[in-house]
């Protein structure tokens, strides 16, 4: 039921991850911790960058770590509007209440470096999911997005053994995870017979994301594959391809595990997806912060980046993976 526990334990020894709408409580402590009664428990917080099923899974990891640590209580915070301003409000409130450690997924890492540095002077700060490498955060826990891009590049080459033209879709190219995934794809496709036509952005507008695909199918009828770098791009691509009556005629590669993406892999309309492991983001961040607060920094890599492995999910793996994910989502 838990994602890759064996790998998780190994990763914690030395080193190694976005989405829609969720009604999860944005302020309460997770239910498992047992150390609060004595008043000496360390208070930790896990702050997301938006609300989505992706974070529902991460919350399960936070709850598991909280349940295992008798001297820790963990809170799970969701910015209601997914903005940097709302994240700052949440962080300021946590600091005012004497929080001992915060693991945050910064919405805008470059422009939030100052905030993270300020917070780091007052409490322990980790980044998770989205890194701010130029900040004074103690450690990053999440995906190596260049490596994930390389996995996507390998999947593209596997899907197109004869080569061909591809189009890439993403919300924003200046987002660090988008740029790094694109970098990894280009590294793998370098010297191959696969040509990237262009990369189209949608500013996280799902209607525009779908219209970008529709426009591509009209303008480039010989396009061989469509690649979505963010979670919602997969469903947008599938919908546009279906509307154009081209299901099965063009290969689709996606990222993350939205329900429509997994359904597309199951019915064969999507070749495969690269999935992160948000459960481990939550679990490892809380466990490692707790250890550091006790003076044990042995789990923090010299690079201060604890990478959580990504997986390739294709038709052979999708049924078991979907069952696992649905269990973590409580479905």
C-alpha atoms as a PDB file:
ATOM      1  CA  UNK A   1       0.000   0.000   0.000  1.00  0.00           C
ATOM      2  CA  UNK A   2       2.898   2.348   0.573  1.00  0.00           C
ATOM      3  CA  UNK A   3       4.972   3.488  -2.379  1.00  0.00           C
ATOM      4  CA  UNK A   4       8.355   1.811  -2.526  1.00  0.00           C
ATOM      5  CA  UNK A   5       9.026   1.467   1.180  1.00  0.00           C
ATOM      6  CA  UNK A   6      12.188  -0.486   0.592  1.00  0.00           C
ATOM      7  CA  UNK A   7      13.545   2.180  -1.715  1.00  0.00           C
ATOM      8  CA  UNK A   8      12.437   4.817   0.750  1.00  0.00           C
ATOM      9  CA  UNK A   9      14.473   3.350   3.552  1.00  0.00           C
ATOM     10  CA  UNK A  10      17.510   3.076   1.329  1.00  0.00           C
ATOM     11  CA  UNK A  11      17.096   6.634   0.069  1.00  0.00           C
ATOM     12  CA  UNK A  12      16.967   8.054   3.562  1.00  0.00           C
ATOM     13  CA  UNK A  13      20.454   6.729   4.125  1.00  0.00           C
ATOM     14  CA  UNK A  14      22.099   8.787   1.412  1.00  0.00           C
ATOM     15  CA  UNK A  15      19.991  10.420  -1.287  1.00  0.00           C
ATOM     16  CA  UNK A  16      17.876   9.801  -4.191  1.00  0.00           C
ATOM     17  CA  UNK A  17       8.660  15.895  -7.893  1.00  0.00           C
ATOM     18  CA  UNK A  18       2.784  19.373  -9.812  1.00  0.00           C
ATOM     19  CA  UNK A  19      -1.435  19.910 -10.104  1.00  0.00           C
ATOM     20  CA  UNK A  20      -6.188  20.977  -9.504  1.00  0.00           C
ATOM     21  CA  UNK A  21      -8.681  21.062  -6.547  1.00  0.00           C
ATOM     22  CA  UNK A  22      -8.829  19.359  -3.174  1.00  0.00           C
ATOM     23  CA  UNK A  23     -10.918  19.808  -0.061  1.00  0.00           C
ATOM     24  CA  UNK A  24      -8.203  18.666   2.352  1.00  0.00           C
ATOM     25  CA  UNK A  25      -7.947  20.573   5.628  1.00  0.00           C
ATOM     26  CA  UNK A  26      -5.248  23.191   5.146  1.00  0.00           C
ATOM     27  CA  UNK A  27      -4.412  23.789   8.765  1.00  0.00           C
ATOM     28  CA  UNK A  28      -4.895  20.866  11.112  1.00  0.00           C
ATOM     29  CA  UNK A  29      -2.121  18.679  12.426  1.00  0.00           C
ATOM     30  CA  UNK A  30      -2.034  15.205  10.975  1.00  0.00           C
ATOM     31  CA  UNK A  31      -3.750  12.589  13.143  1.00  0.00           C
ATOM     32  CA  UNK A  32      -0.954  10.182  13.915  1.00  0.00           C
ATOM     33  CA  UNK A  33       1.607  11.910  16.148  1.00  0.00           C
ATOM     34  CA  UNK A  34       1.792  10.815  19.777  1.00  0.00           C
ATOM     35  CA  UNK A  35       4.336  13.179  21.299  1.00  0.00           C
ATOM     36  CA  UNK A  36       2.211  16.291  21.761  1.00  0.00           C
ATOM     37  CA  UNK A  37       0.727  15.250  25.101  1.00  0.00           C
ATOM     38  CA  UNK A  38       3.951  15.825  26.984  1.00  0.00           C
ATOM     39  CA  UNK A  39       4.393  19.305  25.545  1.00  0.00           C
ATOM     40  CA  UNK A  40       7.916  18.616  24.285  1.00  0.00           C
ATOM     41  CA  UNK A  41       7.076  17.473  20.775  1.00  0.00           C
ATOM     42  CA  UNK A  42       8.780  19.189  17.869  1.00  0.00           C
ATOM     43  CA  UNK A  43       6.249  20.911  15.615  1.00  0.00           C
ATOM     44  CA  UNK A  44       6.872  20.499  11.893  1.00  0.00           C
ATOM     45  CA  UNK A  45       4.908  21.760   8.897  1.00  0.00           C
ATOM     46  CA  UNK A  46       4.630  20.621   5.293  1.00  0.00           C
ATOM     47  CA  UNK A  47       3.502  23.443   2.980  1.00  0.00           C
ATOM     48  CA  UNK A  48       2.275  22.640  -0.548  1.00  0.00           C
ATOM     49  CA  UNK A  49       2.176  24.974  -3.562  1.00  0.00           C
ATOM     50  CA  UNK A  50      -1.458  24.281  -4.506  1.00  0.00           C
ATOM     51  CA  UNK A  51      -4.307  21.827  -3.942  1.00  0.00           C
ATOM     52  CA  UNK A  52      -4.461  18.617  -5.981  1.00  0.00           C
ATOM     53  CA  UNK A  53      -4.572  14.841  -5.687  1.00  0.00           C
ATOM     54  CA  UNK A  54      -0.784  14.953  -5.984  1.00  0.00           C
ATOM     55  CA  UNK A  55      -0.691  16.531  -2.528  1.00  0.00           C
ATOM     56  CA  UNK A  56      -3.320  14.145  -1.160  1.00  0.00           C
ATOM     57  CA  UNK A  57      -0.731  11.423  -1.652  1.00  0.00           C
ATOM     58  CA  UNK A  58       2.037  13.532  -0.083  1.00  0.00           C
ATOM     59  CA  UNK A  59      -0.185  14.071   2.939  1.00  0.00           C
ATOM     60  CA  UNK A  60      -0.353  10.318   3.478  1.00  0.00           C
ATOM     61  CA  UNK A  61       3.433  10.284   3.703  1.00  0.00           C
ATOM     62  CA  UNK A  62       3.400  13.120   6.233  1.00  0.00           C
ATOM     63  CA  UNK A  63       0.822  11.249   8.307  1.00  0.00           C
ATOM     64  CA  UNK A  64       2.881   8.057   8.224  1.00  0.00           C
ATOM     65  CA  UNK A  65       6.017   9.846   9.423  1.00  0.00           C
ATOM     66  CA  UNK A  66       4.010  11.639  12.108  1.00  0.00           C
ATOM     67  CA  UNK A  67       2.617   8.325  13.347  1.00  0.00           C
ATOM     68  CA  UNK A  68       6.099   6.814  13.561  1.00  0.00           C
ATOM     69  CA  UNK A  69       7.680   9.714  15.458  1.00  0.00           C
ATOM     70  CA  UNK A  70       6.588   9.863  19.101  1.00  0.00           C
ATOM     71  CA  UNK A  71       8.251  13.232  19.690  1.00  0.00           C
ATOM     72  CA  UNK A  72       6.941  15.048  16.600  1.00  0.00           C
ATOM     73  CA  UNK A  73       3.640  16.541  15.520  1.00  0.00           C
ATOM     74  CA  UNK A  74       3.241  17.455  11.851  1.00  0.00           C
ATOM     75  CA  UNK A  75       0.909  19.954  10.208  1.00  0.00           C
ATOM     76  CA  UNK A  76      -0.133  19.929   6.545  1.00  0.00           C
ATOM     77  CA  UNK A  77      -0.744  23.336   4.980  1.00  0.00           C
ATOM     78  CA  UNK A  78      -2.355  24.049   1.600  1.00  0.00           C
ATOM     79  CA  UNK A  79      -2.326  27.604   0.170  1.00  0.00           C
ATOM     80  CA  UNK A  80      -5.937  28.191  -0.840  1.00  0.00           C
ATOM     81  CA  UNK A  81      -5.072  30.176  -3.972  1.00  0.00           C
ATOM     82  CA  UNK A  82      -1.696  28.623  -4.811  1.00  0.00           C
ATOM     83  CA  UNK A  83       0.165  31.940  -4.686  1.00  0.00           C
ATOM     84  CA  UNK A  84       3.491  32.986  -3.205  1.00  0.00           C
ATOM     85  CA  UNK A  85       1.636  35.606  -1.149  1.00  0.00           C
ATOM     86  CA  UNK A  86      -0.564  32.955   0.453  1.00  0.00           C
ATOM     87  CA  UNK A  87       2.486  30.790   1.153  1.00  0.00           C
ATOM     88  CA  UNK A  88       4.116  33.738   2.915  1.00  0.00           C
ATOM     89  CA  UNK A  89       0.996  34.249   5.037  1.00  0.00           C
ATOM     90  CA  UNK A  90       1.046  30.577   6.037  1.00  0.00           C
ATOM     91  CA  UNK A  91       4.771  30.656   6.840  1.00  0.00           C
ATOM     92  CA  UNK A  92       4.452  33.867   8.877  1.00  0.00           C
ATOM     93  CA  UNK A  93       1.625  32.287  10.882  1.00  0.00           C
ATOM     94  CA  UNK A  94       3.700  29.163  11.518  1.00  0.00           C
ATOM     95  CA  UNK A  95       6.663  31.228  12.684  1.00  0.00           C
ATOM     96  CA  UNK A  96       4.439  33.236  15.018  1.00  0.00           C
ATOM     97  CA  UNK A  97       3.332  29.959  16.594  1.00  0.00           C
ATOM     98  CA  UNK A  98       6.911  28.780  17.127  1.00  0.00           C
ATOM     99  CA  UNK A  99       7.183  26.101  14.466  1.00  0.00           C
ATOM    100  CA  UNK A 100      10.391  24.045  14.658  1.00  0.00           C
ATOM    101  CA  UNK A 101      10.701  23.131  10.982  1.00  0.00           C
ATOM    102  CA  UNK A 102       9.039  23.857   7.640  1.00  0.00           C
ATOM    103  CA  UNK A 103       9.202  21.884   4.392  1.00  0.00           C
ATOM    104  CA  UNK A 104       7.847  24.089   1.603  1.00  0.00           C
ATOM    105  CA  UNK A 105       7.268  23.716  -2.135  1.00  0.00           C
ATOM    106  CA  UNK A 106       7.943  27.302  -3.272  1.00  0.00           C
ATOM    107  CA  UNK A 107       5.571  28.541  -5.968  1.00  0.00           C
ATOM    108  CA  UNK A 108       8.203  30.912  -7.374  1.00  0.00           C
ATOM    109  CA  UNK A 109      11.608  29.731  -6.104  1.00  0.00           C
ATOM    110  CA  UNK A 110      13.729  32.516  -7.594  1.00  0.00           C
ATOM    111  CA  UNK A 111      11.517  35.267  -6.186  1.00  0.00           C
ATOM    112  CA  UNK A 112      11.008  33.482  -2.858  1.00  0.00           C
ATOM    113  CA  UNK A 113      14.698  33.020  -2.095  1.00  0.00           C
ATOM    114  CA  UNK A 114      14.652  36.061   0.177  1.00  0.00           C
ATOM    115  CA  UNK A 115      11.678  34.697   2.096  1.00  0.00           C
ATOM    116  CA  UNK A 116      13.309  31.296   2.526  1.00  0.00           C
ATOM    117  CA  UNK A 117      16.561  32.884   3.712  1.00  0.00           C
ATOM    118  CA  UNK A 118      14.652  34.985   6.235  1.00  0.00           C
ATOM    119  CA  UNK A 119      12.780  31.953   7.536  1.00  0.00           C
ATOM    120  CA  UNK A 120      16.022  29.943   7.705  1.00  0.00           C
ATOM    121  CA  UNK A 121      17.336  32.449  10.257  1.00  0.00           C
ATOM    122  CA  UNK A 122      14.412  31.573  12.527  1.00  0.00           C
ATOM    123  CA  UNK A 123      13.747  27.872  12.032  1.00  0.00           C
ATOM    124  CA  UNK A 124      14.774  24.784  10.059  1.00  0.00           C
ATOM    125  CA  UNK A 125      13.729  25.030   6.398  1.00  0.00           C
ATOM    126  CA  UNK A 126      13.584  22.314   3.759  1.00  0.00           C
ATOM    127  CA  UNK A 127      12.262  22.645   0.243  1.00  0.00           C
ATOM    128  CA  UNK A 128      10.277  19.790  -1.260  1.00  0.00           C
ATOM    129  CA  UNK A 129       8.885  19.153  -4.755  1.00  0.00           C
ATOM    130  CA  UNK A 130      10.221  22.503  -6.028  1.00  0.00           C
ATOM    131  CA  UNK A 131      13.733  23.518  -5.023  1.00  0.00           C
ATOM    132  CA  UNK A 132      15.262  26.927  -4.357  1.00  0.00           C
ATOM    133  CA  UNK A 133      18.932  25.932  -4.727  1.00  0.00           C
ATOM    134  CA  UNK A 134      20.275  29.457  -4.272  1.00  0.00           C
ATOM    135  CA  UNK A 135      18.593  29.826  -0.897  1.00  0.00           C
ATOM    136  CA  UNK A 136      19.759  28.826   2.567  1.00  0.00           C
ATOM    137  CA  UNK A 137      17.360  25.877   2.816  1.00  0.00           C
ATOM    138  CA  UNK A 138      18.924  22.959   4.684  1.00  0.00           C
ATOM    139  CA  UNK A 139      17.885  20.300   2.157  1.00  0.00           C
ATOM    140  CA  UNK A 140      15.681  19.635  -0.872  1.00  0.00           C
ATOM    141  CA  UNK A 141      13.515  16.507  -0.953  1.00  0.00           C
ATOM    142  CA  UNK A 142      11.973  15.682  -4.309  1.00  0.00           C
ATOM    143  CA  UNK A 143      12.442  14.759  -7.930  1.00  0.00           C
ATOM    144  CA  UNK A 144      15.589  15.141  -9.985  1.00  0.00           C
ATOM    145  CA  UNK A 145      13.739  16.712 -12.907  1.00  0.00           C
ATOM    146  CA  UNK A 146      16.657  16.484 -15.333  1.00  0.00           C
ATOM    147  CA  UNK A 147      16.776  12.737 -14.698  1.00  0.00           C
ATOM    148  CA  UNK A 148      12.987  12.554 -15.108  1.00  0.00           C
ATOM    149  CA  UNK A 149      13.356  14.354 -18.435  1.00  0.00           C
ATOM    150  CA  UNK A 150      15.931  11.808 -19.513  1.00  0.00           C
ATOM    151  CA  UNK A 151      13.459   9.040 -18.688  1.00  0.00           C
ATOM    152  CA  UNK A 152      10.873  10.804 -20.847  1.00  0.00           C
ATOM    153  CA  UNK A 153      13.431  11.095 -23.646  1.00  0.00           C
ATOM    154  CA  UNK A 154      14.099   7.374 -23.499  1.00  0.00           C
ATOM    155  CA  UNK A 155      10.352   6.712 -23.584  1.00  0.00           C
ATOM    156  CA  UNK A 156       9.972   8.941 -26.658  1.00  0.00           C
ATOM    157  CA  UNK A 157      12.715   7.058 -28.487  1.00  0.00           C
ATOM    158  CA  UNK A 158      11.115   3.752 -27.537  1.00  0.00           C
ATOM    159  CA  UNK A 159       7.716   4.937 -28.806  1.00  0.00           C
ATOM    160  CA  UNK A 160       9.214   6.263 -32.057  1.00  0.00           C
ATOM    161  CA  UNK A 161      11.842   3.737 -33.192  1.00  0.00           C
ATOM    162  CA  UNK A 162      11.662   5.155 -36.733  1.00  0.00           C
ATOM    163  CA  UNK A 163      11.982   8.732 -35.482  1.00  0.00           C
ATOM    164  CA  UNK A 164       9.729  11.635 -36.346  1.00  0.00           C
ATOM    165  CA  UNK A 165       8.607  15.092 -35.270  1.00  0.00           C
ATOM    166  CA  UNK A 166       7.350  15.852 -31.778  1.00  0.00           C
ATOM    167  CA  UNK A 167       5.711  18.794 -30.023  1.00  0.00           C
ATOM    168  CA  UNK A 168       6.149  19.508 -26.316  1.00  0.00           C
ATOM    169  CA  UNK A 169       3.527  21.158 -24.078  1.00  0.00           C
ATOM    170  CA  UNK A 170       3.907  22.743 -20.638  1.00  0.00           C
ATOM    171  CA  UNK A 171       2.490  25.523 -18.476  1.00  0.00           C
ATOM    172  CA  UNK A 172       5.526  27.785 -18.215  1.00  0.00           C
ATOM    173  CA  UNK A 173       9.016  27.319 -19.599  1.00  0.00           C
ATOM    174  CA  UNK A 174      10.589  29.536 -16.938  1.00  0.00           C
ATOM    175  CA  UNK A 175       9.456  27.171 -14.169  1.00  0.00           C
ATOM    176  CA  UNK A 176      12.460  25.235 -12.912  1.00  0.00           C
ATOM    177  CA  UNK A 177      10.926  21.765 -13.207  1.00  0.00           C
ATOM    178  CA  UNK A 178       9.747  22.480 -16.769  1.00  0.00           C
ATOM    179  CA  UNK A 179      13.151  23.754 -17.865  1.00  0.00           C
ATOM    180  CA  UNK A 180      14.935  20.811 -16.251  1.00  0.00           C
ATOM    181  CA  UNK A 181      12.584  18.208 -17.748  1.00  0.00           C
ATOM    182  CA  UNK A 182      13.023  19.772 -21.171  1.00  0.00           C
ATOM    183  CA  UNK A 183      16.794  19.742 -20.668  1.00  0.00           C
ATOM    184  CA  UNK A 184      16.720  16.024 -19.887  1.00  0.00           C
ATOM    185  CA  UNK A 185      14.586  15.253 -22.942  1.00  0.00           C
ATOM    186  CA  UNK A 186      16.908  17.196 -25.225  1.00  0.00           C
ATOM    187  CA  UNK A 187      19.932  15.388 -23.808  1.00  0.00           C
ATOM    188  CA  UNK A 188      18.419  12.013 -24.637  1.00  0.00           C
ATOM    189  CA  UNK A 189      17.169  13.020 -28.097  1.00  0.00           C
ATOM    190  CA  UNK A 190      20.446  14.643 -29.116  1.00  0.00           C
ATOM    191  CA  UNK A 191      21.810  12.854 -32.172  1.00  0.00           C
ATOM    192  CA  UNK A 192      18.628  10.843 -32.720  1.00  0.00           C
ATOM    193  CA  UNK A 193      16.242  10.926 -35.673  1.00  0.00           C
ATOM    194  CA  UNK A 194      13.609  12.673 -33.555  1.00  0.00           C
ATOM    195  CA  UNK A 195      13.026  16.411 -34.069  1.00  0.00           C
ATOM    196  CA  UNK A 196      11.400  18.770 -31.572  1.00  0.00           C
ATOM    197  CA  UNK A 197       9.156  21.134 -33.554  1.00  0.00           C
ATOM    198  CA  UNK A 198       8.614  23.519 -30.652  1.00  0.00           C
ATOM    199  CA  UNK A 199       7.475  23.825 -27.035  1.00  0.00           C
ATOM    200  CA  UNK A 200       4.038  25.391 -26.489  1.00  0.00           C
ATOM    201  CA  UNK A 201       3.072  27.019 -23.175  1.00  0.00           C
ATOM    202  CA  UNK A 202      -0.387  27.568 -21.686  1.00  0.00           C
ATOM    203  CA  UNK A 203       0.187  29.461 -18.400  1.00  0.00           C
ATOM    204  CA  UNK A 204      -1.656  26.617 -16.583  1.00  0.00           C
ATOM    205  CA  UNK A 205      -4.877  27.398 -18.492  1.00  0.00           C
ATOM    206  CA  UNK A 206      -6.373  23.970 -19.222  1.00  0.00           C
ATOM    207  CA  UNK A 207      -8.568  25.270 -22.047  1.00  0.00           C
ATOM    208  CA  UNK A 208      -5.520  26.789 -23.702  1.00  0.00           C
ATOM    209  CA  UNK A 209      -3.537  23.609 -23.041  1.00  0.00           C
ATOM    210  CA  UNK A 210      -6.057  21.620 -25.079  1.00  0.00           C
ATOM    211  CA  UNK A 211      -6.306  24.236 -27.848  1.00  0.00           C
ATOM    212  CA  UNK A 212      -2.503  24.225 -28.191  1.00  0.00           C
ATOM    213  CA  UNK A 213      -2.707  20.520 -28.988  1.00  0.00           C
ATOM    214  CA  UNK A 214      -5.624  20.972 -31.392  1.00  0.00           C
ATOM    215  CA  UNK A 215      -3.741  23.708 -33.243  1.00  0.00           C
ATOM    216  CA  UNK A 216      -0.655  21.486 -33.478  1.00  0.00           C
ATOM    217  CA  UNK A 217      -2.631  18.610 -34.988  1.00  0.00           C
ATOM    218  CA  UNK A 218      -3.966  20.945 -37.689  1.00  0.00           C
ATOM    219  CA  UNK A 219      -0.726  22.792 -38.430  1.00  0.00           C
ATOM    220  CA  UNK A 220       1.551  19.739 -38.235  1.00  0.00           C
ATOM    221  CA  UNK A 221      -0.486  16.749 -39.497  1.00  0.00           C
ATOM    222  CA  UNK A 222       2.698  14.663 -39.642  1.00  0.00           C
ATOM    223  CA  UNK A 223       3.532  15.137 -35.951  1.00  0.00           C
ATOM    224  CA  UNK A 224       4.495  11.735 -34.544  1.00  0.00           C
ATOM    225  CA  UNK A 225       4.296  12.338 -30.796  1.00  0.00           C
ATOM    226  CA  UNK A 226       2.898  14.850 -28.323  1.00  0.00           C
ATOM    227  CA  UNK A 227       4.691  15.299 -24.990  1.00  0.00           C
ATOM    228  CA  UNK A 228       3.115  16.830 -21.859  1.00  0.00           C
ATOM    229  CA  UNK A 229       5.513  18.020 -19.152  1.00  0.00           C
ATOM    230  CA  UNK A 230       2.988  18.961 -16.444  1.00  0.00           C
ATOM    231  CA  UNK A 231       0.292  16.790 -14.914  1.00  0.00           C
ATOM    232  CA  UNK A 232      -2.720  18.319 -16.676  1.00  0.00           C
ATOM    233  CA  UNK A 233      -1.029  18.284 -20.104  1.00  0.00           C
ATOM    234  CA  UNK A 234      -1.600  14.541 -20.471  1.00  0.00           C
ATOM    235  CA  UNK A 235      -5.405  14.769 -20.189  1.00  0.00           C
ATOM    236  CA  UNK A 236      -5.404  17.879 -22.423  1.00  0.00           C
ATOM    237  CA  UNK A 237      -3.474  16.024 -25.126  1.00  0.00           C
ATOM    238  CA  UNK A 238      -5.693  12.943 -24.938  1.00  0.00           C
ATOM    239  CA  UNK A 239      -8.839  15.063 -25.223  1.00  0.00           C
ATOM    240  CA  UNK A 240      -7.597  17.013 -28.238  1.00  0.00           C
ATOM    241  CA  UNK A 241      -6.357  13.894 -30.028  1.00  0.00           C
ATOM    242  CA  UNK A 242      -9.684  12.158 -29.400  1.00  0.00           C
ATOM    243  CA  UNK A 243     -11.641  15.173 -30.688  1.00  0.00           C
ATOM    244  CA  UNK A 244      -9.489  15.196 -33.831  1.00  0.00           C
ATOM    245  CA  UNK A 245     -10.186  11.505 -34.434  1.00  0.00           C
ATOM    246  CA  UNK A 246      -6.483  10.674 -34.246  1.00  0.00           C
ATOM    247  CA  UNK A 247      -6.389   8.323 -31.274  1.00  0.00           C
ATOM    248  CA  UNK A 248      -3.741   5.700 -31.953  1.00  0.00           C
ATOM    249  CA  UNK A 249      -2.235   7.694 -34.820  1.00  0.00           C
ATOM    250  CA  UNK A 250       0.041   9.832 -32.656  1.00  0.00           C
ATOM    251  CA  UNK A 251       2.051   8.747 -29.611  1.00  0.00           C
ATOM    252  CA  UNK A 252       1.484  10.509 -26.292  1.00  0.00           C
ATOM    253  CA  UNK A 253       3.994  10.750 -23.428  1.00  0.00           C
ATOM    254  CA  UNK A 254       2.911  12.385 -20.161  1.00  0.00           C
ATOM    255  CA  UNK A 255       4.052  13.236 -16.637  1.00  0.00           C
ATOM    256  CA  UNK A 256       2.335  12.367 -13.358  1.00  0.00           C
ATOM    257  CA  UNK A 257      -0.675  10.253 -12.545  1.00  0.00           C
ATOM    258  CA  UNK A 258      -3.896  12.166 -13.198  1.00  0.00           C
ATOM    259  CA  UNK A 259      -6.858   9.798 -13.531  1.00  0.00           C
ATOM    260  CA  UNK A 260      -7.321  10.614 -17.234  1.00  0.00           C
ATOM    261  CA  UNK A 261      -3.656   9.913 -17.888  1.00  0.00           C
ATOM    262  CA  UNK A 262      -3.763   6.510 -16.224  1.00  0.00           C
ATOM    263  CA  UNK A 263      -7.021   5.679 -18.042  1.00  0.00           C
ATOM    264  CA  UNK A 264      -5.357   6.670 -21.320  1.00  0.00           C
ATOM    265  CA  UNK A 265      -2.443   4.351 -20.663  1.00  0.00           C
ATOM    266  CA  UNK A 266      -4.831   1.534 -19.817  1.00  0.00           C
ATOM    267  CA  UNK A 267      -6.808   1.916 -23.086  1.00  0.00           C
ATOM    268  CA  UNK A 268      -3.658   2.448 -25.151  1.00  0.00           C
ATOM    269  CA  UNK A 269      -4.204   6.075 -26.146  1.00  0.00           C
ATOM    270  CA  UNK A 270      -1.179   7.162 -24.053  1.00  0.00           C
ATOM    271  CA  UNK A 271       2.126   5.334 -24.477  1.00  0.00           C
ATOM    272  CA  UNK A 272       3.404   6.035 -20.972  1.00  0.00           C
ATOM    273  CA  UNK A 273       3.927   8.539 -18.177  1.00  0.00           C
ATOM    274  CA  UNK A 274       6.750   9.510 -15.819  1.00  0.00           C
ATOM    275  CA  UNK A 275       5.444   9.533 -12.257  1.00  0.00           C
ATOM    276  CA  UNK A 276       6.887  11.106  -9.157  1.00  0.00           C
ATOM    277  CA  UNK A 277       6.446   9.730  -5.647  1.00  0.00           C
ATOM    278  CA  UNK A 278       4.786  12.476  -3.577  1.00  0.00           C
ATOM    279  CA  UNK A 279       4.173  10.017  -0.738  1.00  0.00           C
ATOM    280  CA  UNK A 280       7.920   9.937  -0.226  1.00  0.00           C
ATOM    281  CA  UNK A 281       8.157  13.738  -0.396  1.00  0.00           C
ATOM    282  CA  UNK A 282       5.963  13.903   2.700  1.00  0.00           C
ATOM    283  CA  UNK A 283       7.458  10.935   4.508  1.00  0.00           C
ATOM    284  CA  UNK A 284      11.108  11.729   3.943  1.00  0.00           C
ATOM    285  CA  UNK A 285      10.814  15.465   4.576  1.00  0.00           C
ATOM    286  CA  UNK A 286       9.224  14.985   8.009  1.00  0.00           C
ATOM    287  CA  UNK A 287      11.528  12.133   9.039  1.00  0.00           C
ATOM    288  CA  UNK A 288      14.660  13.950   7.935  1.00  0.00           C
ATOM    289  CA  UNK A 289      13.689  17.267   9.549  1.00  0.00           C
ATOM    290  CA  UNK A 290      13.023  15.424  12.807  1.00  0.00           C
ATOM    291  CA  UNK A 291      16.458  13.797  12.635  1.00  0.00           C
ATOM    292  CA  UNK A 292      18.224  17.088  11.882  1.00  0.00           C
ATOM    293  CA  UNK A 293      16.497  18.765  14.826  1.00  0.00           C
ATOM    294  CA  UNK A 294      17.968  16.030  17.032  1.00  0.00           C
ATOM    295  CA  UNK A 295      21.426  16.819  15.685  1.00  0.00           C
ATOM    296  CA  UNK A 296      21.612  13.919  13.240  1.00  0.00           C
ATOM    297  CA  UNK A 297      22.475  15.275   9.795  1.00  0.00           C
ATOM    298  CA  UNK A 298      23.769  11.980   8.410  1.00  0.00           C
ATOM    299  CA  UNK A 299      20.714  11.616   6.162  1.00  0.00           C
ATOM    300  CA  UNK A 300      21.362  14.939   4.421  1.00  0.00           C
ATOM    301  CA  UNK A 301      23.479  14.353   1.279  1.00  0.00           C
ATOM    302  CA  UNK A 302      26.543  16.534   0.721  1.00  0.00           C
ATOM    303  CA  UNK A 303      24.657  18.094  -2.209  1.00  0.00           C
ATOM    304  CA  UNK A 304      21.769  18.973   0.142  1.00  0.00           C
ATOM    305  CA  UNK A 305      19.461  17.366  -2.418  1.00  0.00           C
ATOM    306  CA  UNK A 306      17.688  14.130  -1.470  1.00  0.00           C
ATOM    307  CA  UNK A 307      16.272  12.825  -4.717  1.00  0.00           C
ATOM    308  CA  UNK A 308      13.203  10.599  -4.823  1.00  0.00           C
ATOM    309  CA  UNK A 309      13.213   8.220  -7.761  1.00  0.00           C
ATOM    310  CA  UNK A 310      10.698   8.633 -10.586  1.00  0.00           C
ATOM    311  CA  UNK A 311       9.020   5.698 -12.331  1.00  0.00           C
ATOM    312  CA  UNK A 312       7.953   4.920 -15.885  1.00  0.00           C
ATOM    313  CA  UNK A 313       4.376   3.630 -16.064  1.00  0.00           C
ATOM    314  CA  UNK A 314       3.221   1.905 -19.253  1.00  0.00           C
ATOM    315  CA  UNK A 315       0.303  -0.373 -20.018  1.00  0.00           C
ATOM    316  CA  UNK A 316       1.853  -3.396 -18.291  1.00  0.00           C
ATOM    317  CA  UNK A 317       2.217  -1.506 -14.996  1.00  0.00           C
ATOM    318  CA  UNK A 318      -0.808   0.784 -15.023  1.00  0.00           C
ATOM    319  CA  UNK A 319      -3.424  -1.453 -13.395  1.00  0.00           C
ATOM    320  CA  UNK A 320      -1.347  -2.245 -10.316  1.00  0.00           C
ATOM    321  CA  UNK A 321      -0.100   1.350 -10.076  1.00  0.00           C
ATOM    322  CA  UNK A 322      -3.643   2.761 -10.329  1.00  0.00           C
ATOM    323  CA  UNK A 323      -4.797   0.481  -7.511  1.00  0.00           C
ATOM    324  CA  UNK A 324      -1.869   1.602  -5.350  1.00  0.00           C
ATOM    325  CA  UNK A 325      -2.515   5.290  -6.025  1.00  0.00           C
ATOM    326  CA  UNK A 326      -6.254   4.989  -5.367  1.00  0.00           C
ATOM    327  CA  UNK A 327      -5.541   3.360  -2.007  1.00  0.00           C
ATOM    328  CA  UNK A 328      -3.336   6.300  -1.043  1.00  0.00           C
ATOM    329  CA  UNK A 329      -6.035   8.732  -2.201  1.00  0.00           C
ATOM    330  CA  UNK A 330      -8.618   6.901  -0.123  1.00  0.00           C
ATOM    331  CA  UNK A 331     -10.661   5.858  -3.148  1.00  0.00           C
END
